[in-house]
């Protein structure tokens, strides 16, 4: 009867699976909403995320170097009192 009832090990595996799926979805959404310096980098990162099990973690750790910077403040318009 021990094989039929789920234990804490099964719950841990399911929780880690849900966390992995959440990170995978976050990486895909972040990839779609991002702009890269090179036009082909988005396709390369999409293939890495989809085809490798560690792809979402690689993308989240290493993709910042290849993204365009979108925050460019113009401090010349600020007047001094």
Protein backbone atom coordinates (compact mmCIF):
# COMPACT_ATOMS: atom_id res chain seq x y z
CA UNK A 1 0.00 0.00 0.00
CA UNK A 2 3.02 2.27 0.35
CA UNK A 3 3.30 2.63 -3.43
CA UNK A 4 -0.18 4.05 -3.87
CA UNK A 5 -0.16 6.83 -1.28
CA UNK A 6 1.88 9.89 -2.23
CA UNK A 7 4.57 10.88 0.21
CA UNK A 8 6.56 14.03 0.76
CA UNK A 9 9.01 13.10 -1.99
CA UNK A 10 6.28 13.25 -4.61
CA UNK A 11 5.16 16.65 -3.35
CA UNK A 12 8.74 17.95 -3.55
CA UNK A 13 9.12 16.72 -7.14
CA UNK A 14 5.83 18.30 -8.13
CA UNK A 15 6.75 21.60 -6.48
CA UNK A 16 10.12 21.68 -8.24
CA UNK A 17 8.38 20.90 -11.53
CA UNK A 18 5.94 23.78 -11.06
CA UNK A 19 8.81 26.13 -10.21
CA UNK A 20 10.70 25.05 -13.34
CA UNK A 21 7.63 25.59 -15.52
CA UNK A 22 7.11 29.04 -13.98
CA UNK A 23 10.75 30.01 -14.68
CA UNK A 24 10.42 28.65 -18.23
CA UNK A 25 7.27 30.71 -18.88
CA UNK A 26 8.87 33.82 -17.37
CA UNK A 27 11.93 33.39 -19.61
CA UNK A 28 9.77 33.00 -22.74
CA UNK A 29 7.67 36.08 -21.90
CA UNK A 30 10.81 38.09 -21.10
CA UNK A 31 12.37 36.99 -24.39
CA UNK A 32 9.33 38.02 -26.42
CA UNK A 33 9.19 41.45 -24.77
CA UNK A 34 12.93 42.18 -25.06
CA UNK A 35 14.91 43.95 -27.75
CA UNK A 36 18.41 42.73 -28.54
CA UNK A 37 21.40 44.47 -30.12
CA UNK A 38 21.63 41.77 -32.79
CA UNK A 39 18.46 40.72 -34.59
CA UNK A 40 19.31 37.02 -34.59
CA UNK A 41 19.97 36.77 -30.84
CA UNK A 42 16.27 36.43 -30.09
CA UNK A 43 16.03 33.33 -32.28
CA UNK A 44 19.18 31.84 -30.76
CA UNK A 45 17.93 32.41 -27.20
CA UNK A 46 14.51 30.97 -28.10
CA UNK A 47 16.17 27.78 -29.34
CA UNK A 48 18.34 27.56 -26.23
CA UNK A 49 15.35 28.04 -23.91
CA UNK A 50 13.15 25.53 -25.73
CA UNK A 51 15.68 22.81 -26.55
CA UNK A 52 17.82 22.60 -23.42
CA UNK A 53 16.67 21.80 -19.87
CA UNK A 54 18.89 24.51 -18.37
CA UNK A 55 18.06 27.08 -21.08
CA UNK A 56 15.77 29.34 -19.02
CA UNK A 57 18.39 29.68 -16.32
CA UNK A 58 21.12 30.43 -18.88
CA UNK A 59 18.92 33.04 -20.54
CA UNK A 60 18.07 34.80 -17.29
CA UNK A 61 21.72 34.81 -16.20
CA UNK A 62 23.47 35.75 -19.45
CA UNK A 63 21.09 37.63 -21.74
CA UNK A 64 21.50 41.06 -20.15
CA UNK A 65 24.73 41.65 -22.03
CA UNK A 66 22.99 41.32 -25.40
CA UNK A 67 19.90 43.43 -24.73
CA UNK A 68 19.46 47.03 -25.76
CA UNK A 69 19.45 49.61 -23.02
CA UNK A 70 16.10 51.38 -23.01
CA UNK A 71 16.53 53.78 -20.09
CA UNK A 72 18.43 56.84 -21.31
CA UNK A 73 17.64 59.82 -19.08
CA UNK A 74 18.34 63.33 -20.35
CA UNK A 75 19.74 65.30 -17.44
CA UNK A 76 20.44 68.40 -19.50
CA UNK A 77 16.79 69.53 -19.17
CA UNK A 78 17.01 69.75 -15.39
CA UNK A 79 17.29 73.34 -14.20
CA UNK A 80 19.37 74.21 -11.20
CA UNK A 81 17.74 76.39 -8.55
